[in-house]
């Protein structure tokens, strides 16, 4: 190759270098954009999961949830209800109409609905003709399975707030 031929090829080689650089920069920009989009989606998924867990933790400590998981469970297991029977019957009617909080985690919510249905059924039986030890054992297993699902979904179970107290009448605000 002579110097003249090489001189003729220099613009072509320079142009191909420029085209190669442009193509490389475009590909790099596309890959960075896809990477940023993936990172953004990943961050959104993490944030959604965190908000779902926070909401489910709060639902776990809602008043009706505490009534079912503690007070109604104690009534089913031992027959003790802290207020009068009329309150218990109103609660059972309300729960039977599904007027309770629902969890966002589908597995937890599905078990919760089963637990509430079973709680209403067994509490009604306890009021009328009683329940057997086998019923209580099955209920305890169902209750433990629900709590295990809660722990898997949103971590350690939050402590029950101490200000949740069953009252027949609202507190006297004049005092």
Protein backbone atom coordinates (compact mmCIF):
# COMPACT_ATOMS: atom_id res chain seq x y z
CA UNK A 1 0.00 0.00 0.00
CA UNK A 2 1.41 3.33 -0.99
CA UNK A 3 1.23 6.51 0.92
CA UNK A 4 -1.24 7.95 -1.56
CA UNK A 5 -3.62 4.99 -1.17
CA UNK A 6 -3.32 5.23 2.56
CA UNK A 7 -4.08 8.95 2.37
CA UNK A 8 -7.23 8.23 0.40
CA UNK A 9 -8.38 5.71 3.04
CA UNK A 10 -7.80 8.03 6.00
CA UNK A 11 -11.18 9.87 5.61
CA UNK A 12 -13.00 6.55 5.21
CA UNK A 13 -11.31 5.13 8.29
CA UNK A 14 -12.04 8.32 10.22
CA UNK A 15 -15.69 8.24 9.20
CA UNK A 16 -16.05 4.61 10.22
CA UNK A 17 -14.41 5.44 13.56
CA UNK A 18 -16.93 8.22 14.10
CA UNK A 19 -19.83 5.94 13.14
CA UNK A 20 -18.49 3.24 15.47
CA UNK A 21 -18.23 5.74 18.31
CA UNK A 22 -21.76 7.01 17.71
CA UNK A 23 -23.15 3.46 17.60
CA UNK A 24 -21.27 2.61 20.77
CA UNK A 25 -22.63 5.70 22.56
CA UNK A 26 -26.19 4.96 21.43
CA UNK A 27 -25.97 1.35 22.61
CA UNK A 28 -24.48 2.51 25.91
CA UNK A 29 -27.30 5.02 26.40
CA UNK A 30 -29.95 2.37 25.66
CA UNK A 31 -28.36 -0.07 28.11
CA UNK A 32 -28.09 2.60 30.81
CA UNK A 33 -31.72 3.59 30.31
CA UNK A 34 -32.88 -0.03 30.60
CA UNK A 35 -30.72 -0.47 33.68
CA UNK A 36 -32.19 2.68 35.27
CA UNK A 37 -35.71 1.53 34.40
CA UNK A 38 -35.04 -1.87 35.96
CA UNK A 39 -33.53 -0.22 39.05
CA UNK A 40 -36.54 2.09 39.34
CA UNK A 41 -38.99 -0.83 39.07
CA UNK A 42 -37.00 -2.76 41.65
CA UNK A 43 -37.08 0.21 44.05
CA UNK A 44 -40.85 0.61 43.51
CA UNK A 45 -41.41 -3.08 44.27
CA UNK A 46 -39.37 -2.81 47.47
CA UNK A 47 -41.30 0.31 48.51
CA UNK A 48 -44.66 -1.35 47.74
CA UNK A 49 -43.68 -4.41 49.77
CA UNK A 50 -42.60 -2.20 52.69
CA UNK A 51 -45.86 -0.23 52.60
CA UNK A 52 -47.88 -3.46 52.38
CA UNK A 53 -46.04 -4.87 55.41
CA UNK A 54 -46.58 -1.64 57.37
CA UNK A 55 -50.29 -1.66 56.50
CA UNK A 56 -50.66 -5.32 57.48
CA UNK A 57 -48.85 -4.67 60.79
CA UNK A 58 -51.30 -1.85 61.46
CA UNK A 59 -54.24 -4.09 60.49
CA UNK A 60 -52.96 -6.72 62.92
CA UNK A 61 -53.44 -4.17 65.70
CA UNK A 62 -56.82 -2.81 64.60
CA UNK A 63 -59.50 -3.00 67.29
CA UNK A 64 -61.65 -5.62 65.53
CA UNK A 65 -58.60 -7.75 64.74
CA UNK A 66 -57.61 -7.67 68.42
CA UNK A 67 -61.17 -8.55 69.43
CA UNK A 68 -61.03 -11.64 67.23
CA UNK A 69 -57.46 -12.78 67.88
CA UNK A 70 -57.51 -12.23 71.63
CA UNK A 71 -60.91 -11.73 73.23
CA UNK A 72 -63.00 -13.92 70.94
CA UNK A 73 -60.26 -16.57 70.97
CA UNK A 74 -60.29 -16.51 74.80
CA UNK A 75 -64.07 -16.89 74.75
CA UNK A 76 -63.88 -19.86 72.38
CA UNK A 77 -61.16 -21.52 74.45
CA UNK A 78 -62.51 -20.83 77.91
CA UNK A 79 -65.96 -19.29 77.75
CA UNK A 80 -64.90 -15.92 79.22
CA UNK A 81 -66.20 -12.74 77.58
CA UNK A 82 -65.30 -9.41 79.24
CA UNK A 83 -68.64 -7.66 78.57
CA UNK A 84 -72.23 -8.81 78.32
CA UNK A 85 -73.64 -11.39 75.94
CA UNK A 86 -75.46 -8.76 73.86
CA UNK A 87 -72.10 -7.21 72.90
CA UNK A 88 -70.80 -10.61 71.93
CA UNK A 89 -73.85 -11.30 69.76
CA UNK A 90 -73.46 -7.92 68.03
CA UNK A 91 -69.80 -8.66 67.36
CA UNK A 92 -70.63 -12.09 65.93
CA UNK A 93 -73.35 -10.61 63.68
CA UNK A 94 -70.94 -7.94 62.47
CA UNK A 95 -68.16 -10.44 61.80
CA UNK A 96 -70.62 -12.73 60.02
CA UNK A 97 -71.26 -9.88 57.59
CA UNK A 98 -67.50 -9.55 57.00
CA UNK A 99 -67.28 -6.07 58.52
CA UNK A 100 -63.68 -6.39 59.60
CA UNK A 101 -60.31 -5.27 58.34
CA UNK A 102 -58.67 -7.24 55.56
CA UNK A 103 -54.96 -7.83 55.11
CA UNK A 104 -53.17 -6.86 51.90
CA UNK A 105 -51.09 -10.03 51.76
CA UNK A 106 -53.35 -12.56 49.98
CA UNK A 107 -52.14 -15.61 51.95
CA UNK A 108 -52.56 -13.85 55.30
CA UNK A 109 -55.96 -12.48 54.31
CA UNK A 110 -57.22 -15.86 53.11
CA UNK A 111 -56.29 -17.49 56.44
CA UNK A 112 -57.71 -14.49 58.31
CA UNK A 113 -61.09 -14.87 56.62
CA UNK A 114 -61.12 -18.59 57.43
CA UNK A 115 -60.15 -17.84 61.05
CA UNK A 116 -62.90 -15.22 61.43
CA UNK A 117 -65.52 -17.54 59.92
CA UNK A 118 -64.43 -20.37 62.24
CA UNK A 119 -64.35 -17.98 65.22
CA UNK A 120 -67.92 -16.87 64.56
CA UNK A 121 -69.04 -20.46 64.16
CA UNK A 122 -67.36 -21.72 67.33
CA UNK A 123 -68.37 -18.70 69.43
CA UNK A 124 -71.99 -19.22 68.35
CA UNK A 125 -71.71 -22.89 69.32
CA UNK A 126 -70.14 -21.92 72.65
CA UNK A 127 -73.14 -19.63 73.31
CA UNK A 128 -75.74 -22.24 72.45
CA UNK A 129 -74.70 -25.82 73.06
CA UNK A 130 -70.96 -25.80 73.68
CA UNK A 131 -67.95 -26.99 71.77
CA UNK A 132 -65.64 -29.95 72.11
CA UNK A 133 -61.94 -30.14 72.89
CA UNK A 134 -61.39 -31.29 69.30
CA UNK A 135 -63.06 -28.08 68.06
CA UNK A 136 -60.75 -26.03 70.27
CA UNK A 137 -57.68 -27.97 69.14
CA UNK A 138 -58.60 -27.45 65.46
CA UNK A 139 -59.26 -23.78 66.17
CA UNK A 140 -55.88 -23.38 67.88
CA UNK A 141 -54.15 -24.97 64.90
CA UNK A 142 -55.96 -22.62 62.51
CA UNK A 143 -55.09 -19.63 64.70
CA UNK A 144 -51.40 -20.65 64.89
CA UNK A 145 -51.25 -21.15 61.11
CA UNK A 146 -52.65 -17.65 60.60
CA UNK A 147 -50.10 -16.14 62.99
CA UNK A 148 -47.30 -18.06 61.22
CA UNK A 149 -48.47 -16.57 57.90
CA UNK A 150 -48.44 -13.13 59.51
CA UNK A 151 -44.86 -13.63 60.72
CA UNK A 152 -43.74 -14.80 57.27
CA UNK A 153 -45.44 -11.85 55.63
CA UNK A 154 -44.53 -8.90 57.82
CA UNK A 155 -41.97 -10.14 60.31
CA UNK A 156 -42.25 -10.25 64.08
CA UNK A 157 -45.77 -9.64 65.31
CA UNK A 158 -46.23 -6.16 66.73
CA UNK A 159 -47.15 -5.94 70.42
CA UNK A 160 -50.81 -5.38 71.21
CA UNK A 161 -51.48 -1.78 72.19
CA UNK A 162 -52.44 -1.52 75.84
CA UNK A 163 -55.09 1.14 75.23
CA UNK A 164 -57.45 -1.36 73.57
CA UNK A 165 -59.97 -2.18 76.27
CA UNK A 166 -63.46 -3.58 75.87
CA UNK A 167 -66.00 -1.16 77.26
CA UNK A 168 -69.73 -1.37 77.43
CA UNK A 169 -70.12 2.42 77.39
CA UNK A 170 -67.85 5.02 75.79
CA UNK A 171 -65.52 6.81 78.21
CA UNK A 172 -66.86 9.85 79.98
CA UNK A 173 -65.25 12.79 78.20
CA UNK A 174 -66.45 15.33 80.79
CA UNK A 175 -63.93 14.14 83.39
